[in-house]
Amino acid sequence: MVMEAKDKWLCSSQMAASMLAVQVFATGQQLLSKVILNQGTFIFSFMAYRHLVAALCVAPFAFFLERADSKKLAWSTWFWLFINALTGITVAMGLFFYGLRDTTATYSTNFLNVIPVVTFVFSILLRMEKLGLDSRAGKIKTVGTIICVGGALTTSLYKGKAFYLTDHHHHFHSSAAAAMEVSSSQWTRGTFMLVGSCLCYAIWYILQVKLLRVFPSRYRATLITCILASVQSAAIGLCLDRRESAWRLEWNLQLVTIVYSGALSTAATFCLLTWVIAKRGPTYAPIFNPLSLIFVAVSEALVLGEPMRLGIVVGTVMIIVGLYSFLWGRRKESKLLVEANAGDEALSKPVPASEEMQMMKTFETSPVSVKSVYAAMEEGALKDTVKS
């Protein structure tokens, strides 16, 4: 009994530590990207190299763990993989980096935390999910959505008083600080870029349901998606800027960021998320997302000397409260869904019957309900748990 409790505690600690590592990776990614973008790094060349590194890091997992699933891909599968790379990486990440360049890391990270809520709104509009206002969990989820959107609007429309965590006259990052002053004049443009990125990410999450159905091999899907995203970024980048200086790699912070982003922010993060989601379901990982927001805000203020704005602080608190409320409601609904499915399976156990009765049941028809994005992901997580 003691050993079982110890093993359970160890497993929970490992999953929590993994999610904490993911947030630390994300924090480093945001800060490094902000610095090199302010130094003039061409965004699409950065994305092309980053995802090439990510593909190299994911390739061993796809080769060794999913070798048995290797088969020739249909053209329809290639189409969904191409759309997956285009919406979730090339367009969404490209817009995010342009928004990050024109604003701040803390401000940009706020929009990443709104993505689950925007996905929920899209799934309602597409009739893939219901509000569920007749239940307590549905009401809390809806209130959380409203608070989260209100927090995003607060960070966008209200700046408020500025204050510093350190003496901003003596920080060591004069070049980064100068870049911050230039990007602040493009704040509005950056906000539109971040909103567009948020919408693309939400669409990408909805597309994941379809992709996982036609191509359930997650590591191979990630490998191919990274390769396609690298090719797409290179093609778009060459159309925008063909100068050799925009594509040349040197031994500097840009190269460090490319390797860091590909190896840790993409490959390692995906492996950790896949493992945790398979064990605890898709609603466990987003609970830790607000940590990266806090880490980025504090690190940006301490390292880059960026001022903390009252509007961003208030909006951040609202987003965190709204996100946790939304996830709590979503988790309660998921539990009810799992219990309902378990009850249906118990009721649908086969009973002795004649062949004629079995044939009649085979041809009976019943209305099929449309699964929500989160329900489909939950089902996939449960299947992975059974396999492991």
Protein backbone atom coordinates (compact mmCIF):
# COMPACT_ATOMS: atom_id res chain seq x y z
CA MET A 1 0.00 0.00 0.00
CA VAL A 2 2.84 2.36 0.91
CA MET A 3 4.75 1.44 -2.27
CA GLU A 4 1.65 2.02 -4.38
CA ALA A 5 1.13 5.47 -2.85
CA LYS A 6 4.82 6.24 -3.33
CA ASP A 7 4.70 5.22 -7.00
CA LYS A 8 1.59 7.30 -7.53
CA TRP A 9 3.21 10.32 -5.91
CA LEU A 10 6.37 9.81 -7.99
CA CYS A 11 4.37 9.63 -11.22
CA SER A 12 2.42 12.79 -10.33
CA SER A 13 5.66 14.57 -9.44
CA GLN A 14 7.23 13.55 -12.75
CA MET A 15 4.25 14.86 -14.71
CA ALA A 16 4.23 18.14 -12.78
CA ALA A 17 7.99 18.52 -13.28
CA SER A 18 7.57 17.82 -17.01
CA MET A 19 4.92 20.52 -17.35
CA LEU A 20 7.08 22.91 -15.35
CA ALA A 21 9.97 22.19 -17.74
CA VAL A 22 7.67 22.91 -20.70
CA GLN A 23 6.82 26.33 -19.25
CA VAL A 24 10.51 27.07 -18.61
CA PHE A 25 11.29 26.13 -22.23
CA ALA A 26 8.50 28.45 -23.40
CA THR A 27 9.84 31.29 -21.26
CA GLY A 28 13.33 30.98 -22.70
CA GLN A 29 11.87 30.76 -26.19
CA GLN A 30 9.91 33.99 -25.78
CA LEU A 31 12.82 35.98 -24.37
CA LEU A 32 15.41 34.73 -26.88
CA SER A 33 13.03 35.26 -29.80
CA LYS A 34 12.21 38.78 -28.64
CA VAL A 35 15.90 39.73 -28.49
CA ILE A 36 16.91 38.33 -31.90
CA LEU A 37 13.80 39.75 -33.61
CA ASN A 38 14.63 43.19 -32.24
CA GLN A 39 18.15 42.72 -33.60
CA GLY A 40 16.76 42.32 -37.12
CA THR A 41 16.50 38.55 -37.63
CA PHE A 42 14.37 37.68 -40.65
CA ILE A 43 11.35 35.83 -39.23
CA PHE A 44 10.78 33.31 -42.02
CA SER A 45 14.41 32.23 -42.22
CA PHE A 46 14.35 31.75 -38.44
CA MET A 47 11.20 29.61 -38.73
CA ALA A 48 12.62 27.56 -41.62
CA TYR A 49 15.81 26.71 -39.72
CA ARG A 50 13.98 26.16 -36.43
CA HIS A 51 11.61 23.54 -37.78
CA LEU A 52 14.40 21.81 -39.68
CA VAL A 53 16.17 21.35 -36.33
CA ALA A 54 12.90 20.21 -34.76
CA ALA A 55 12.41 17.62 -37.52
CA LEU A 56 15.90 16.23 -36.91
CA CYS A 57 15.17 15.94 -33.18
CA VAL A 58 11.78 14.24 -33.63
CA ALA A 59 12.98 11.85 -36.37
CA PRO A 60 14.49 9.24 -33.98
CA PHE A 61 11.22 9.01 -32.02
CA ALA A 62 9.19 8.59 -35.22
CA PHE A 63 11.62 5.95 -36.52
CA PHE A 64 11.95 3.81 -33.40
CA LEU A 65 8.55 4.24 -31.71
CA GLU A 66 6.27 4.20 -34.75
CA ARG A 67 8.17 1.98 -37.17
CA ALA A 68 5.35 -0.56 -37.12
CA ASP A 69 2.88 2.12 -38.26
CA SER A 70 4.93 3.03 -41.33
CA LYS A 71 2.83 2.84 -44.47
CA LYS A 72 2.28 4.72 -47.67
CA LEU A 73 0.33 7.92 -47.12
CA ALA A 74 -2.74 8.74 -49.18
CA TRP A 75 -3.00 12.07 -50.97
CA SER A 76 -5.80 13.11 -48.62
CA THR A 77 -3.48 12.53 -45.64
CA TRP A 78 -0.77 14.65 -47.26
CA PHE A 79 -3.38 17.38 -47.78
CA TRP A 80 -4.34 17.43 -44.09
CA LEU A 81 -0.68 17.40 -43.04
CA PHE A 82 0.00 20.33 -45.38
CA ILE A 83 -2.96 22.30 -43.98
CA ASN A 84 -1.85 21.37 -40.46
CA ALA A 85 1.62 22.82 -41.07
CA LEU A 86 0.26 25.89 -42.86
CA THR A 87 -2.29 26.94 -40.24
CA GLY A 88 -0.65 25.83 -37.00
CA ILE A 89 2.98 26.70 -37.74
CA THR A 90 3.69 28.75 -40.84
CA VAL A 91 0.85 31.27 -40.56
CA ALA A 92 0.07 31.15 -36.83
CA MET A 93 3.69 31.22 -35.68
CA GLY A 94 4.68 33.75 -38.34
CA LEU A 95 1.97 36.16 -37.20
CA PHE A 96 2.93 35.56 -33.58
CA PHE A 97 6.58 36.42 -34.18
CA TYR A 98 5.64 39.60 -36.04
CA GLY A 99 3.39 40.52 -33.12
CA LEU A 100 6.13 39.65 -30.64
CA ARG A 101 8.57 41.88 -32.49
CA ASP A 102 6.21 44.86 -32.38
CA THR A 103 5.08 44.47 -28.74
CA THR A 104 6.57 42.71 -25.69
CA ALA A 105 7.02 39.09 -24.66
CA THR A 106 4.58 39.41 -21.74
CA TYR A 107 1.92 41.04 -23.89
CA SER A 108 2.30 38.38 -26.61
CA THR A 109 2.16 35.47 -24.16
CA ASN A 110 -1.23 36.73 -22.94
CA PHE A 111 -2.69 35.90 -26.33
CA LEU A 112 -1.32 32.35 -26.20
CA ASN A 113 -3.29 31.75 -23.01
CA VAL A 114 -6.51 32.89 -24.71
CA ILE A 115 -6.20 30.21 -27.43
CA PRO A 116 -8.18 27.47 -25.55
CA VAL A 117 -11.05 29.90 -25.05
CA VAL A 118 -11.05 31.00 -28.71
CA THR A 119 -11.02 27.33 -29.73
CA PHE A 120 -14.06 26.77 -27.51
CA VAL A 121 -15.89 29.70 -29.13
CA PHE A 122 -15.09 28.40 -32.63
CA SER A 123 -16.28 24.90 -31.71
CA ILE A 124 -19.60 26.40 -30.55
CA LEU A 125 -19.99 28.37 -33.79
CA LEU A 126 -19.27 25.21 -35.78
CA ARG A 127 -21.79 23.27 -33.64
CA MET A 128 -19.03 20.95 -32.42
CA GLU A 129 -19.70 21.81 -28.78
CA LYS A 130 -22.53 23.13 -26.62
CA LEU A 131 -22.44 25.86 -24.02
CA GLY A 132 -24.06 23.60 -21.47
CA LEU A 133 -25.65 26.43 -19.48
CA ASP A 134 -28.01 23.92 -17.87
CA SER A 135 -25.16 22.56 -15.73
CA ARG A 136 -22.93 24.19 -13.09
CA ALA A 137 -19.79 23.22 -14.98
CA GLY A 138 -21.12 24.77 -18.18
CA LYS A 139 -21.96 28.04 -16.44
CA ILE A 140 -18.50 28.27 -14.83
CA LYS A 141 -16.90 27.48 -18.18
CA THR A 142 -18.88 30.25 -19.87
CA VAL A 143 -18.06 32.77 -17.12
CA GLY A 144 -14.39 31.82 -17.42
CA THR A 145 -14.57 32.45 -21.16
CA ILE A 146 -16.02 35.93 -20.61
CA ILE A 147 -13.39 36.79 -17.97
CA CYS A 148 -10.59 35.53 -20.21
CA VAL A 149 -11.76 37.60 -23.18
CA GLY A 150 -12.16 40.61 -20.87
CA GLY A 151 -8.57 40.14 -19.70
CA ALA A 152 -7.32 40.04 -23.29
CA LEU A 153 -9.22 43.25 -24.08
CA THR A 154 -7.80 44.88 -20.94
CA THR A 155 -4.21 44.12 -21.92
CA SER A 156 -4.90 45.37 -25.46
CA LEU A 157 -6.79 48.59 -24.74
CA TYR A 158 -5.49 49.72 -21.34
CA LYS A 159 -1.83 50.30 -20.52
CA GLY A 160 -1.96 52.15 -17.22
CA LYS A 161 0.91 53.24 -15.05
CA ALA A 162 4.39 51.83 -15.74
CA PHE A 163 6.70 50.58 -13.00
CA TYR A 164 10.03 48.78 -12.98
CA LEU A 165 11.23 45.81 -10.94
CA THR A 166 14.85 46.95 -11.28
CA ASP A 167 16.68 50.20 -11.81
CA HIS A 168 16.06 50.68 -15.52
CA HIS A 169 18.89 53.20 -15.81
CA HIS A 170 21.54 50.57 -15.13
CA HIS A 171 20.55 47.42 -17.00
CA PHE A 172 23.06 45.83 -19.39
CA HIS A 173 20.80 45.50 -22.42
CA SER A 174 20.96 48.90 -24.11
CA SER A 175 20.47 47.47 -27.63
CA ALA A 176 17.39 45.49 -26.58
CA ALA A 177 15.99 48.51 -24.72
CA ALA A 178 16.41 50.69 -27.77
CA ALA A 179 14.59 48.12 -29.85
CA MET A 180 11.75 48.13 -27.34
CA GLU A 181 11.27 51.85 -27.85
CA VAL A 182 11.04 51.39 -31.62
CA SER A 183 8.56 48.50 -31.41
CA SER A 184 6.22 50.38 -29.06
CA SER A 185 5.21 52.68 -31.92
CA GLN A 186 3.98 49.60 -33.81
CA TRP A 187 1.90 48.35 -30.89
CA THR A 188 -1.40 48.44 -32.76
CA ARG A 189 -0.05 46.52 -35.73
CA GLY A 190 1.47 43.95 -33.40
CA THR A 191 -1.87 43.51 -31.63
CA PHE A 192 -3.62 42.72 -34.91
CA MET A 193 -0.87 40.22 -35.73
CA LEU A 194 -1.31 38.52 -32.35
CA VAL A 195 -5.10 38.35 -32.75
CA GLY A 196 -4.62 36.75 -36.17
CA SER A 197 -2.16 34.28 -34.68
CA CYS A 198 -4.61 33.39 -31.92
CA LEU A 199 -7.38 32.73 -34.46
CA CYS A 200 -5.08 30.55 -36.59
CA TYR A 201 -4.02 28.51 -33.57
CA ALA A 202 -7.68 27.97 -32.64
CA ILE A 203 -8.45 26.74 -36.16
CA TRP A 204 -5.37 24.50 -35.95
CA TYR A 205 -6.64 22.85 -32.76
CA ILE A 206 -9.94 22.08 -34.45
CA LEU A 207 -8.08 20.58 -37.42
CA GLN A 208 -6.18 18.28 -35.05
CA VAL A 209 -9.33 16.24 -34.51
CA LYS A 210 -9.54 15.47 -38.24
CA LEU A 211 -5.79 14.88 -38.57
CA LEU A 212 -5.66 12.41 -35.67
CA ARG A 213 -8.43 10.43 -37.31
CA VAL A 214 -6.76 10.11 -40.72
CA PHE A 215 -3.20 9.88 -39.36
CA PRO A 216 -2.96 8.77 -35.70
CA SER A 217 0.86 8.37 -35.69
CA ARG A 218 1.71 11.48 -33.67
CA TYR A 219 5.50 11.43 -33.94
CA ARG A 220 5.43 10.83 -37.69
CA ALA A 221 2.78 13.53 -38.06
CA THR A 222 4.97 15.96 -36.11
CA LEU A 223 8.03 15.03 -38.18
CA ILE A 224 6.26 15.55 -41.49
CA THR A 225 4.55 18.71 -40.23
CA CYS A 226 7.89 20.23 -39.20
CA ILE A 227 9.43 19.41 -42.60
CA LEU A 228 6.44 20.88 -44.46
CA ALA A 229 6.49 23.98 -42.23
CA SER A 230 10.20 24.46 -42.92
CA VAL A 231 9.60 24.23 -46.68
CA GLN A 232 6.60 26.57 -46.50
CA SER A 233 8.52 29.13 -44.42
CA ALA A 234 11.47 28.98 -46.82
CA ALA A 235 9.19 29.45 -49.85
CA ILE A 236 7.37 32.44 -48.35
CA GLY A 237 10.63 33.90 -47.02
CA LEU A 238 12.35 33.71 -50.41
CA CYS A 239 9.44 35.58 -51.95
CA LEU A 240 9.79 38.35 -49.33
CA ASP A 241 13.57 38.62 -48.97
CA ARG A 242 16.25 36.88 -51.05
CA ARG A 243 19.24 38.71 -49.61
CA GLU A 244 22.03 36.42 -48.49
CA SER A 245 22.34 38.31 -45.22
CA ALA A 246 18.74 37.39 -44.30
CA TRP A 247 19.49 33.66 -44.59
CA ARG A 248 23.10 33.45 -43.45
CA LEU A 249 23.79 31.62 -40.19
CA GLU A 250 26.56 32.76 -37.86
CA TRP A 251 27.86 31.78 -34.42
CA ASN A 252 25.65 34.21 -32.54
CA LEU A 253 22.49 34.39 -30.44
CA GLN A 254 20.34 33.69 -33.50
CA LEU A 255 21.93 30.25 -33.95
CA VAL A 256 21.52 29.53 -30.22
CA THR A 257 17.83 30.47 -30.46
CA ILE A 258 17.30 28.27 -33.53
CA VAL A 259 18.81 25.21 -31.83
CA TYR A 260 17.04 25.97 -28.54
CA SER A 261 13.68 26.46 -30.27
CA GLY A 262 13.92 23.33 -32.40
CA ALA A 263 15.32 20.99 -29.75
CA LEU A 264 13.55 22.18 -26.60
CA SER A 265 10.56 24.37 -27.51
CA THR A 266 9.38 22.01 -30.27
CA ALA A 267 10.81 18.47 -30.00
CA ALA A 268 11.23 18.10 -26.22
CA THR A 269 8.02 20.00 -25.50
CA PHE A 270 6.02 17.79 -27.86
CA CYS A 271 7.40 14.59 -26.33
CA LEU A 272 6.62 15.75 -22.79
CA LEU A 273 3.13 16.96 -23.73
CA THR A 274 2.34 13.73 -25.55
CA TRP A 275 3.37 11.65 -22.53
CA VAL A 276 1.43 13.76 -20.03
CA ILE A 277 -1.71 13.98 -22.18
CA ALA A 278 -1.67 10.20 -22.63
CA LYS A 279 -1.57 9.79 -18.83
CA ARG A 280 -3.84 12.61 -17.63
CA GLY A 281 -5.84 13.82 -20.63
CA PRO A 282 -5.75 17.07 -22.64
CA THR A 283 -7.08 19.29 -19.85
CA TYR A 284 -4.11 18.69 -17.54
CA ALA A 285 -1.37 20.41 -19.54
CA PRO A 286 -3.11 23.81 -20.05
CA ILE A 287 -3.39 24.21 -16.26
CA PHE A 288 0.32 25.05 -16.22
CA ASN A 289 0.17 27.59 -19.09
CA PRO A 290 -0.26 30.66 -16.84
CA LEU A 291 3.11 29.83 -15.26
CA SER A 292 4.90 30.76 -18.48
CA LEU A 293 3.02 34.06 -18.46
CA ILE A 294 4.30 34.80 -14.96
CA PHE A 295 7.81 33.59 -15.78
CA VAL A 296 7.95 35.71 -18.95
CA ALA A 297 6.62 38.85 -17.22
CA VAL A 298 9.12 38.64 -14.37
CA SER A 299 12.06 37.61 -16.59
CA GLU A 300 11.35 40.33 -19.13
CA ALA A 301 11.23 42.94 -16.37
CA LEU A 302 14.43 41.68 -14.71
CA VAL A 303 16.52 40.71 -17.74
CA LEU A 304 15.36 43.09 -20.47
CA GLY A 305 14.35 45.95 -18.18
CA GLU A 306 10.88 46.14 -19.71
CA PRO A 307 8.42 48.14 -17.56
CA MET A 308 5.43 46.39 -16.02
CA ARG A 309 2.19 48.05 -17.09
CA LEU A 310 -0.81 48.14 -14.78
CA GLY A 311 -3.13 47.20 -17.64
CA ILE A 312 -1.05 44.13 -18.50
CA VAL A 313 -0.92 43.06 -14.83
CA VAL A 314 -4.70 43.41 -14.41
CA GLY A 315 -5.38 41.70 -17.74
CA THR A 316 -2.96 38.88 -16.88
CA VAL A 317 -4.74 38.20 -13.58
CA MET A 318 -8.11 38.17 -15.37
CA ILE A 319 -6.79 35.77 -18.02
CA ILE A 320 -5.38 33.41 -15.39
CA VAL A 321 -8.64 33.40 -13.38
CA GLY A 322 -10.74 32.99 -16.52
CA LEU A 323 -8.52 30.23 -17.91
CA TYR A 324 -8.62 28.21 -14.69
CA SER A 325 -12.40 28.63 -14.47
CA PHE A 326 -12.78 27.51 -18.07
CA LEU A 327 -10.49 24.49 -17.59
CA TRP A 328 -12.25 23.49 -14.37
CA GLY A 329 -15.62 23.52 -16.11
CA ARG A 330 -14.17 21.67 -19.09
CA ARG A 331 -12.63 19.02 -16.82
CA LYS A 332 -15.93 18.47 -14.98
CA GLU A 333 -17.75 18.04 -18.29
CA SER A 334 -15.08 15.61 -19.49
CA LYS A 335 -15.55 13.47 -16.37
CA LEU A 336 -19.30 13.42 -16.94
CA LEU A 337 -18.70 12.46 -20.58
CA VAL A 338 -16.41 9.59 -19.60
CA GLU A 339 -18.93 8.34 -17.01
CA ALA A 340 -21.74 8.55 -19.55
CA ASN A 341 -19.70 6.61 -22.13
CA ALA A 342 -18.87 3.97 -19.51
CA GLY A 343 -22.57 3.65 -18.70
CA ASP A 344 -23.49 3.32 -22.37
CA GLU A 345 -20.88 0.60 -22.85
CA ALA A 346 -22.25 -1.30 -19.84
CA LEU A 347 -25.79 -1.11 -21.22
CA SER A 348 -24.71 -2.13 -24.72
CA LYS A 349 -23.06 -5.42 -23.69
CA PRO A 350 -24.16 -8.21 -26.06
CA VAL A 351 -26.79 -10.65 -24.81
CA PRO A 352 -27.58 -14.07 -26.28
CA ALA A 353 -29.83 -13.68 -29.26
CA SER A 354 -30.72 -15.39 -32.49
CA GLU A 355 -28.98 -14.57 -35.77
CA GLU A 356 -32.11 -12.82 -37.01
CA MET A 357 -32.13 -10.50 -33.99
CA GLN A 358 -28.41 -9.75 -34.45
CA MET A 359 -29.04 -8.86 -38.12
CA MET A 360 -31.92 -6.58 -37.14
CA LYS A 361 -29.69 -4.75 -34.64
CA THR A 362 -26.98 -4.37 -37.25
CA PHE A 363 -29.30 -2.52 -39.60
CA GLU A 364 -30.89 -0.30 -36.94
CA THR A 365 -30.01 3.37 -37.27
CA SER A 366 -29.65 5.99 -34.60
CA PRO A 367 -28.75 9.71 -34.64
CA VAL A 368 -25.03 10.37 -34.27
CA SER A 369 -24.00 13.38 -32.20
CA VAL A 370 -21.10 15.58 -33.26
CA LYS A 371 -18.15 15.33 -30.85
CA SER A 372 -16.54 18.46 -29.54
CA VAL A 373 -12.87 19.20 -30.08
CA TYR A 374 -12.09 18.47 -26.45
CA ALA A 375 -14.21 15.30 -26.34
CA ALA A 376 -12.36 13.89 -29.34
CA MET A 377 -9.01 14.69 -27.76
CA GLU A 378 -10.19 13.16 -24.49
CA GLU A 379 -11.14 9.97 -26.30
CA GLY A 380 -7.71 9.84 -27.93
CA ALA A 381 -6.03 10.29 -24.56
CA LEU A 382 -8.08 7.46 -23.08
CA LYS A 383 -7.09 5.15 -25.92
CA ASP A 384 -3.43 5.99 -25.40
CA THR A 385 -3.81 5.23 -21.71
CA VAL A 386 -5.28 1.82 -22.47
CA LYS A 387 -2.43 1.05 -24.92
CA SER A 388 0.22 1.99 -22.38
